[in-house]
Amino acid sequence: MKIQVIHKAFEESPVQVAEVNAPDDLTITSALEYAYRWTNNFEGSWSLDDLENNKDANPNVTRVAPLIEYKGKTFGLRSTSMMDLMIVDGKTYEVMGCGFEEIASC
């Protein structure tokens, strides 16, 4: 199940940052939770693939947004947060404080 992860909570305009291939046997809610977990930075960086012992790397997550360049250094992307969006099976869900809420597509 493919899930598009869109960051909009802190951005000037929404930007797709990842595509997550969640296991097909998951429910929609479980797939959203899977995408949320694997686009968060707990013990490394979900968006960087060159960190040693990076426990947040997942081969089922493809970063589609560029990394952040600042003063000659490269940084990973932020964690997915409340008010960010996920799209799965043509439906858009907003990340809430607890869970996800389906919203009308624009």
C-alpha atoms as a PDB file:
ATOM      1  CA  MET A   1       0.000   0.000   0.000  1.00  0.00           C
ATOM      2  CA  LYS A   2       1.567   3.307  -1.102  1.00  0.00           C
ATOM      3  CA  ILE A   3       1.251   6.343   1.125  1.00  0.00           C
ATOM      4  CA  GLN A   4       2.310   9.851   0.158  1.00  0.00           C
ATOM      5  CA  VAL A   5       3.585  11.888   3.116  1.00  0.00           C
ATOM      6  CA  ILE A   6       3.143  15.638   2.790  1.00  0.00           C
ATOM      7  CA  HIS A   7       4.634  18.130   5.220  1.00  0.00           C
ATOM      8  CA  LYS A   8       2.598  21.305   5.614  1.00  0.00           C
ATOM      9  CA  ALA A   9       2.581  22.063   9.348  1.00  0.00           C
ATOM     10  CA  PHE A  10       5.638  24.336   9.305  1.00  0.00           C
ATOM     11  CA  GLU A  11       6.128  24.970   5.585  1.00  0.00           C
ATOM     12  CA  GLU A  12       5.031  27.945   3.511  1.00  0.00           C
ATOM     13  CA  SER A  13       3.271  25.537   1.157  1.00  0.00           C
ATOM     14  CA  PRO A  14       2.715  21.763   1.322  1.00  0.00           C
ATOM     15  CA  VAL A  15       5.514  19.573  -0.022  1.00  0.00           C
ATOM     16  CA  GLN A  16       5.569  15.824  -0.532  1.00  0.00           C
ATOM     17  CA  VAL A  17       8.557  14.481   1.372  1.00  0.00           C
ATOM     18  CA  ALA A  18       8.167  10.716   1.137  1.00  0.00           C
ATOM     19  CA  GLU A  19       6.460   7.753  -0.394  1.00  0.00           C
ATOM     20  CA  VAL A  20       5.981   4.846   1.978  1.00  0.00           C
ATOM     21  CA  ASN A  21       5.309   1.278   0.864  1.00  0.00           C
ATOM     22  CA  ALA A  22       3.392  -0.117   3.824  1.00  0.00           C
ATOM     23  CA  PRO A  23       2.740  -3.856   4.016  1.00  0.00           C
ATOM     24  CA  ASP A  24      -0.386  -4.776   2.052  1.00  0.00           C
ATOM     25  CA  ASP A  25      -1.924  -6.746   4.916  1.00  0.00           C
ATOM     26  CA  LEU A  26      -2.368  -3.615   7.073  1.00  0.00           C
ATOM     27  CA  THR A  27      -5.610  -1.720   7.563  1.00  0.00           C
ATOM     28  CA  ILE A  28      -5.651   1.911   6.406  1.00  0.00           C
ATOM     29  CA  THR A  29      -5.179   3.119   9.984  1.00  0.00           C
ATOM     30  CA  SER A  30      -2.289   0.724  10.590  1.00  0.00           C
ATOM     31  CA  ALA A  31      -0.695   1.774   7.289  1.00  0.00           C
ATOM     32  CA  LEU A  32      -0.956   5.441   8.296  1.00  0.00           C
ATOM     33  CA  GLU A  33       0.630   4.603  11.651  1.00  0.00           C
ATOM     34  CA  TYR A  34       3.395   2.726   9.825  1.00  0.00           C
ATOM     35  CA  ALA A  35       4.067   5.749   7.583  1.00  0.00           C
ATOM     36  CA  TYR A  36       4.030   8.056  10.590  1.00  0.00           C
ATOM     37  CA  ARG A  37       6.515   5.913  12.521  1.00  0.00           C
ATOM     38  CA  TRP A  38       8.930   5.576   9.634  1.00  0.00           C
ATOM     39  CA  THR A  39       8.926   9.302   8.790  1.00  0.00           C
ATOM     40  CA  ASN A  40       9.933  10.306  12.304  1.00  0.00           C
ATOM     41  CA  ASN A  41      13.411  10.806  13.724  1.00  0.00           C
ATOM     42  CA  PHE A  42      13.737   8.764  16.917  1.00  0.00           C
ATOM     43  CA  GLU A  43      17.163   7.122  16.763  1.00  0.00           C
ATOM     44  CA  GLY A  44      18.702   8.575  13.634  1.00  0.00           C
ATOM     45  CA  SER A  45      17.068  10.107  10.579  1.00  0.00           C
ATOM     46  CA  TRP A  46      14.355   8.645   8.405  1.00  0.00           C
ATOM     47  CA  SER A  47      15.528  10.742   5.444  1.00  0.00           C
ATOM     48  CA  LEU A  48      19.278  10.099   5.558  1.00  0.00           C
ATOM     49  CA  ASP A  49      20.746   6.843   4.348  1.00  0.00           C
ATOM     50  CA  ASP A  50      24.398   7.435   5.155  1.00  0.00           C
ATOM     51  CA  LEU A  51      24.275   7.420   8.959  1.00  0.00           C
ATOM     52  CA  GLU A  52      25.985   4.602  10.813  1.00  0.00           C
ATOM     53  CA  ASN A  53      23.585   2.554  12.991  1.00  0.00           C
ATOM     54  CA  ASN A  54      20.594   4.564  11.716  1.00  0.00           C
ATOM     55  CA  LYS A  55      17.626   2.858  13.395  1.00  0.00           C
ATOM     56  CA  ASP A  56      15.151   5.135  11.594  1.00  0.00           C
ATOM     57  CA  ALA A  57      16.158   4.022   8.096  1.00  0.00           C
ATOM     58  CA  ASN A  58      13.573   1.845   6.354  1.00  0.00           C
ATOM     59  CA  PRO A  59      13.922   0.474   2.812  1.00  0.00           C
ATOM     60  CA  ASN A  60      10.137   0.854   2.415  1.00  0.00           C
ATOM     61  CA  VAL A  61      10.441   4.651   2.684  1.00  0.00           C
ATOM     62  CA  THR A  62      11.588   6.734  -0.275  1.00  0.00           C
ATOM     63  CA  ARG A  63      12.503  10.352   0.357  1.00  0.00           C
ATOM     64  CA  VAL A  64      11.216  12.472  -2.537  1.00  0.00           C
ATOM     65  CA  ALA A  65      12.068  15.959  -1.241  1.00  0.00           C
ATOM     66  CA  PRO A  66      15.593  17.358  -1.297  1.00  0.00           C
ATOM     67  CA  LEU A  67      17.641  17.355   1.888  1.00  0.00           C
ATOM     68  CA  ILE A  68      18.257  20.644   3.660  1.00  0.00           C
ATOM     69  CA  GLU A  69      21.477  22.498   2.825  1.00  0.00           C
ATOM     70  CA  TYR A  70      22.621  25.077   5.367  1.00  0.00           C
ATOM     71  CA  LYS A  71      26.048  26.723   5.601  1.00  0.00           C
ATOM     72  CA  GLY A  72      27.668  24.010   3.540  1.00  0.00           C
ATOM     73  CA  LYS A  73      26.198  21.148   5.568  1.00  0.00           C
ATOM     74  CA  THR A  74      23.456  18.694   4.661  1.00  0.00           C
ATOM     75  CA  PHE A  75      20.688  17.911   7.119  1.00  0.00           C
ATOM     76  CA  GLY A  76      17.854  15.402   7.058  1.00  0.00           C
ATOM     77  CA  LEU A  77      14.179  16.296   6.947  1.00  0.00           C
ATOM     78  CA  ARG A  78      12.038  16.885   9.983  1.00  0.00           C
ATOM     79  CA  SER A  79       9.714  14.361  11.532  1.00  0.00           C
ATOM     80  CA  THR A  80       6.121  14.090  10.411  1.00  0.00           C
ATOM     81  CA  SER A  81       3.936  16.122  12.799  1.00  0.00           C
ATOM     82  CA  MET A  82       0.388  17.109  13.606  1.00  0.00           C
ATOM     83  CA  MET A  83      -1.243  18.981  10.690  1.00  0.00           C
ATOM     84  CA  ASP A  84       0.844  17.126   8.106  1.00  0.00           C
ATOM     85  CA  LEU A  85      -0.998  15.060   5.504  1.00  0.00           C
ATOM     86  CA  MET A  86      -0.941  11.514   4.201  1.00  0.00           C
ATOM     87  CA  ILE A  87      -2.647  10.290   1.055  1.00  0.00           C
ATOM     88  CA  VAL A  88      -3.582   6.642   0.610  1.00  0.00           C
ATOM     89  CA  ASP A  89      -6.058   5.053  -1.803  1.00  0.00           C
ATOM     90  CA  GLY A  90      -7.052   8.512  -3.074  1.00  0.00           C
ATOM     91  CA  LYS A  91      -8.073   9.737   0.382  1.00  0.00           C
ATOM     92  CA  THR A  92      -6.297  12.466   2.339  1.00  0.00           C
ATOM     93  CA  TYR A  93      -5.723  12.178   6.073  1.00  0.00           C
ATOM     94  CA  GLU A  94      -4.450  14.828   8.464  1.00  0.00           C
ATOM     95  CA  VAL A  95      -2.152  13.808  11.300  1.00  0.00           C
ATOM     96  CA  MET A  96      -3.933  14.657  14.551  1.00  0.00           C
ATOM     97  CA  GLY A  97      -2.744  14.749  18.166  1.00  0.00           C
ATOM     98  CA  CYS A  98      -3.969  11.186  18.433  1.00  0.00           C
ATOM     99  CA  GLY A  99      -4.551   9.347  15.166  1.00  0.00           C
ATOM    100  CA  PHE A 100      -5.626  10.589  11.752  1.00  0.00           C
ATOM    101  CA  GLU A 101      -8.687  12.341  10.375  1.00  0.00           C
ATOM    102  CA  GLU A 102      -9.892  12.017   6.807  1.00  0.00           C
ATOM    103  CA  ILE A 103     -10.290  15.417   5.186  1.00  0.00           C
ATOM    104  CA  ALA A 104     -11.855  16.543   1.957  1.00  0.00           C
ATOM    105  CA  SER A 105      -9.332  16.663  -0.870  1.00  0.00           C
ATOM    106  CA  CYS A 106      -8.620  20.072  -2.346  1.00  0.00           C
END
